[in-house]
Each structure stands twice: as C-alpha cells, then as structure tokens.
Protein backbone atom coordinates (compact mmCIF):
# COMPACT_ATOMS: atom_id res chain seq x y z
CA MET A 1 -3.39 42.10 -57.83
CA LEU A 2 -4.80 38.77 -56.52
CA GLU A 3 -1.79 36.98 -57.89
CA THR A 4 0.51 39.39 -56.09
CA ILE A 5 -1.33 38.85 -52.80
CA ARG A 6 -1.17 35.13 -53.32
CA GLN A 7 2.53 35.17 -53.93
CA GLN A 8 3.10 37.33 -50.90
CA GLU A 9 1.14 34.87 -48.72
CA LEU A 10 3.28 31.99 -50.10
CA ASP A 11 6.42 33.91 -49.41
CA VAL A 12 5.37 34.70 -45.79
CA LYS A 13 4.54 31.08 -45.15
CA PHE A 14 7.83 29.95 -46.58
CA PHE A 15 9.88 32.40 -44.49
CA LYS A 16 7.90 31.55 -41.30
CA LYS A 17 8.57 27.88 -41.83
CA MET A 18 12.25 28.49 -42.46
CA VAL A 19 12.59 30.56 -39.30
CA LYS A 20 10.77 27.96 -37.19
CA MET A 21 13.23 25.34 -38.57
CA LEU A 22 16.16 27.40 -37.45
CA MET A 23 14.90 28.80 -34.10
CA LYS A 24 12.80 27.79 -31.18
CA ASP A 25 9.46 29.69 -30.58
CA GLU A 26 10.92 31.17 -27.46
CA GLU A 27 13.89 32.56 -29.34
CA ILE A 28 11.63 34.08 -32.05
CA ALA A 29 9.42 35.69 -29.36
CA LYS A 30 12.55 37.08 -27.52
CA ILE A 31 13.81 38.68 -30.78
CA LYS A 32 10.30 40.05 -31.64
CA LEU A 33 9.92 41.66 -28.22
CA LYS A 34 13.24 43.51 -28.82
CA SER A 35 12.20 44.51 -32.37
CA GLN A 36 9.89 47.32 -33.35
CA TYR A 37 7.91 48.24 -36.49
CA ASP A 38 8.73 51.67 -37.92
CA ASP A 39 5.75 53.10 -39.80
CA SER A 40 7.88 55.89 -41.34
CA ILE A 41 9.98 53.36 -43.31
CA ASN A 42 7.29 50.66 -43.37
CA ASP A 43 9.68 47.98 -42.07
CA TRP A 44 10.79 46.11 -39.01
CA ILE A 45 13.85 47.27 -37.01
CA ILE A 46 15.43 44.05 -35.68
CA PRO A 47 18.41 44.21 -33.41
CA PRO A 48 21.52 42.26 -34.46
CA PHE A 49 21.62 38.73 -33.05
CA ILE A 50 23.85 35.69 -33.45
CA LEU A 51 22.60 32.35 -34.53
CA LYS A 52 25.12 29.74 -33.29
CA GLN A 53 25.78 26.19 -34.45
CA LYS A 54 23.26 26.19 -37.31
CA GLU A 55 24.65 24.98 -40.56
CA VAL A 56 22.49 24.31 -43.60
CA THR A 57 22.99 20.96 -45.25
CA LEU A 58 20.60 19.45 -47.72
CA PRO A 59 20.50 15.69 -48.00
CA SER A 60 20.93 14.11 -51.34
CA LEU A 61 17.48 12.97 -52.37
CA LYS A 62 15.98 11.64 -55.58
CA LYS A 63 14.46 14.22 -57.88
CA THR A 64 11.16 15.30 -56.32
CA GLY A 65 9.95 17.66 -58.99
CA TYR A 66 10.93 20.82 -57.02
CA ASP A 67 12.05 23.70 -59.27
CA VAL A 68 15.11 25.78 -58.32
CA MET A 69 13.97 28.94 -56.63
CA GLU A 70 14.87 32.33 -58.08
C-alpha cells in the first residue's frame, strides 16, 4: 500500500510539472475555476479547451540513464 501511495505521489508530481511546462499558472487557474469535482463519479469534470501553438519536441541528448516510460 505504501508503494502504491508513493507511485501516485510521483505520478501527480510528474503530471503537475508537465502541465506547468505547457500552460501558464493563470491559464491553469482559469480552467480549474470552470471545472468541478463530481463525487458521484470520483473524478474531475473539465470543460473542453484548446491549447494552441504547443508542439512537443525533444532535443537529441546523450543517454542520461532515463528509462522509457510505460
């Protein structure tokens, strides 16, 4: 159980960092204000939005020891 909690914490930190790289704090706050948490389905209801001019490119770097994610 502790391992599951640890993995969930790592996942949350990863996703938060990714979102912050893609969006400004003001944009995140704006979407969160328009979103709502639904206890009956135990999940967030997030309205559709468009993310413009963001293209993911990864630079070619020397091997750093990172494993490929599942």
